[in-house]
Amino acid sequence: MYGVEAEFIYQVSSGFNTSLIADYIGSRLMNEDENLPRIPSIRLGAIINYQVDKFDSEPSLNHYFEQNDIVVLETNTDSYTMVDGHINYYVDGFGDDLTLYLKGQNLTNENTRVHS
C-alpha cells in the first residue's frame, strides 16, 4: 500500500481560517498485478472555520472521485460531493462541557456509496 495526504491551512484573520485537503491511497498485491479490495477513492476538500467568543462554525465540501481500481466481485463506485457543516455555541454557567450545536450532513441529499 502507498498513499499521500496533504492539508493546506490559511489563516485569513484571528478567528477565520480555510483549509484545503487531499488524500490518495493505492495498493497492489505483491508479485501479482491485482488491486487490493475496499480501497477508498481520491478525496479533495475545502473547510472554512470561523470562531469568535462562544461561537464557531465549520462548513465543508468534499469531493470523492470514482473508484474503478477494483478486484473481482467488487463494483465501481461513482463520484460524489458531500456538503456538511456545523454550528456550535458554548454555554457558560453549566461547567466546561455544555455545547449547543446544529449539525448538518449531506446537505444536498447526494446519493452516495462509500467504496471502503
Protein backbone atom coordinates (compact mmCIF):
# COMPACT_ATOMS: atom_id res chain seq x y z
CA MET A 1 0.00 0.00 0.00
CA TYR A 2 1.08 3.54 -0.62
CA GLY A 3 -0.56 6.92 -0.33
CA VAL A 4 -0.34 10.60 0.29
CA GLU A 5 -2.29 13.03 2.43
CA ALA A 6 -1.99 16.81 2.36
CA GLU A 7 -3.58 19.74 4.15
CA PHE A 8 -3.03 23.43 3.49
CA ILE A 9 -4.35 25.85 6.14
CA TYR A 10 -4.56 29.58 5.56
CA GLN A 11 -5.29 31.93 8.48
CA VAL A 12 -7.42 34.73 7.00
CA SER A 13 -7.84 36.58 10.31
CA SER A 14 -7.66 35.81 14.03
CA GLY A 15 -10.94 33.83 14.06
CA PHE A 16 -11.22 32.79 10.44
CA ASN A 17 -9.23 30.17 8.53
CA THR A 18 -9.63 27.97 5.50
CA SER A 19 -8.22 24.53 4.74
CA LEU A 20 -7.71 22.54 1.57
CA ILE A 21 -7.32 18.78 1.98
CA ALA A 22 -6.49 15.87 -0.31
CA ASP A 23 -5.72 12.20 0.11
CA TYR A 24 -4.99 9.20 -2.07
CA ILE A 25 -4.36 5.52 -1.36
CA GLY A 26 -3.08 3.00 -3.88
CA SER A 27 -2.48 -0.70 -3.46
CA ARG A 28 -1.24 -3.78 -5.29
CA LEU A 29 -0.82 -7.39 -4.25
CA MET A 30 2.87 -8.28 -4.08
CA ASN A 31 4.17 -10.33 -7.02
CA GLU A 32 0.79 -10.01 -8.77
CA ASP A 33 -0.83 -7.38 -10.92
CA GLU A 34 -4.02 -7.08 -8.84
CA ASN A 35 -5.56 -4.34 -6.73
CA LEU A 36 -6.48 -4.85 -3.09
CA PRO A 37 -10.22 -4.71 -2.25
CA ARG A 38 -12.10 -1.90 -0.47
CA ILE A 39 -9.58 0.87 -1.13
CA PRO A 40 -11.14 4.37 -0.90
CA SER A 41 -11.06 6.74 -3.85
CA ILE A 42 -9.21 10.06 -4.15
CA ARG A 43 -10.71 12.82 -1.99
CA LEU A 44 -10.39 16.61 -2.35
CA GLY A 45 -11.97 19.01 0.10
CA ALA A 46 -12.28 22.50 1.49
CA ILE A 47 -13.16 23.58 5.03
CA ILE A 48 -13.95 27.05 6.35
CA ASN A 49 -13.69 27.63 10.09
CA TYR A 50 -14.96 30.75 11.86
CA GLN A 51 -14.61 31.12 15.63
CA VAL A 52 -15.36 34.09 17.84
CA ASP A 53 -16.05 34.15 21.61
CA LYS A 54 -18.58 31.36 22.37
CA PHE A 55 -19.48 30.59 18.77
CA ASP A 56 -17.88 28.61 15.97
CA SER A 57 -18.99 27.29 12.61
CA GLU A 58 -17.43 24.97 10.06
CA PRO A 59 -18.94 24.28 6.64
CA SER A 60 -17.09 21.76 4.46
CA LEU A 61 -17.15 20.45 0.92
CA ASN A 62 -15.58 17.09 -0.01
CA HIS A 63 -15.43 15.53 -3.45
CA TYR A 64 -14.83 11.78 -3.73
CA PHE A 65 -13.75 10.58 -7.16
CA GLU A 66 -14.98 7.45 -8.90
CA GLN A 67 -13.27 4.26 -7.73
CA ASN A 68 -12.67 1.88 -10.62
CA ASP A 69 -9.42 0.21 -9.44
CA ILE A 70 -11.32 -2.82 -8.21
CA VAL A 71 -10.99 -6.58 -7.78
CA VAL A 72 -13.22 -9.49 -8.80
CA LEU A 73 -16.70 -9.29 -7.17
CA GLU A 74 -16.36 -5.55 -6.45
CA THR A 75 -18.27 -2.92 -8.40
CA ASN A 76 -17.21 0.57 -9.42
CA THR A 77 -18.23 3.40 -7.10
CA ASP A 78 -19.47 6.64 -8.67
CA SER A 79 -18.03 10.02 -7.73
CA TYR A 80 -19.96 12.30 -5.39
CA THR A 81 -19.67 15.57 -3.48
CA MET A 82 -20.65 15.96 0.17
CA VAL A 83 -21.63 19.29 1.75
CA ASP A 84 -21.56 19.23 5.56
CA GLY A 85 -21.44 21.79 8.32
CA HIS A 86 -21.91 22.52 11.98
CA ILE A 87 -22.51 25.49 14.26
CA ASN A 88 -21.55 25.37 17.96
CA TYR A 89 -22.41 27.68 20.84
CA TYR A 90 -20.56 27.17 24.14
CA VAL A 91 -22.70 27.94 27.20
CA ASP A 92 -21.21 29.38 30.40
CA GLY A 93 -22.53 28.53 33.87
CA PHE A 94 -23.06 24.78 33.32
CA GLY A 95 -19.49 23.57 33.67
CA ASP A 96 -16.99 23.34 30.84
CA ASP A 97 -18.78 20.81 28.67
CA LEU A 98 -22.16 22.28 27.66
CA THR A 99 -22.34 22.97 23.95
CA LEU A 100 -25.42 23.69 21.92
CA TYR A 101 -24.94 22.67 18.32
CA LEU A 102 -26.60 22.29 14.97
CA LYS A 103 -25.03 19.74 12.64
CA GLY A 104 -25.90 19.03 9.03
CA GLN A 105 -24.51 16.20 6.93
CA ASN A 106 -25.10 15.60 3.24
CA LEU A 107 -26.97 18.90 2.95
CA THR A 108 -27.54 18.45 -0.79
CA ASN A 109 -29.10 14.99 -0.26
CA GLU A 110 -26.48 13.38 -2.52
CA ASN A 111 -26.90 9.66 -3.22
CA THR A 112 -23.54 8.27 -2.09
CA ARG A 113 -21.82 4.91 -1.98
CA VAL A 114 -18.63 4.78 0.12
CA HIS A 115 -16.29 2.31 -1.56
CA SER A 116 -14.40 1.19 1.54
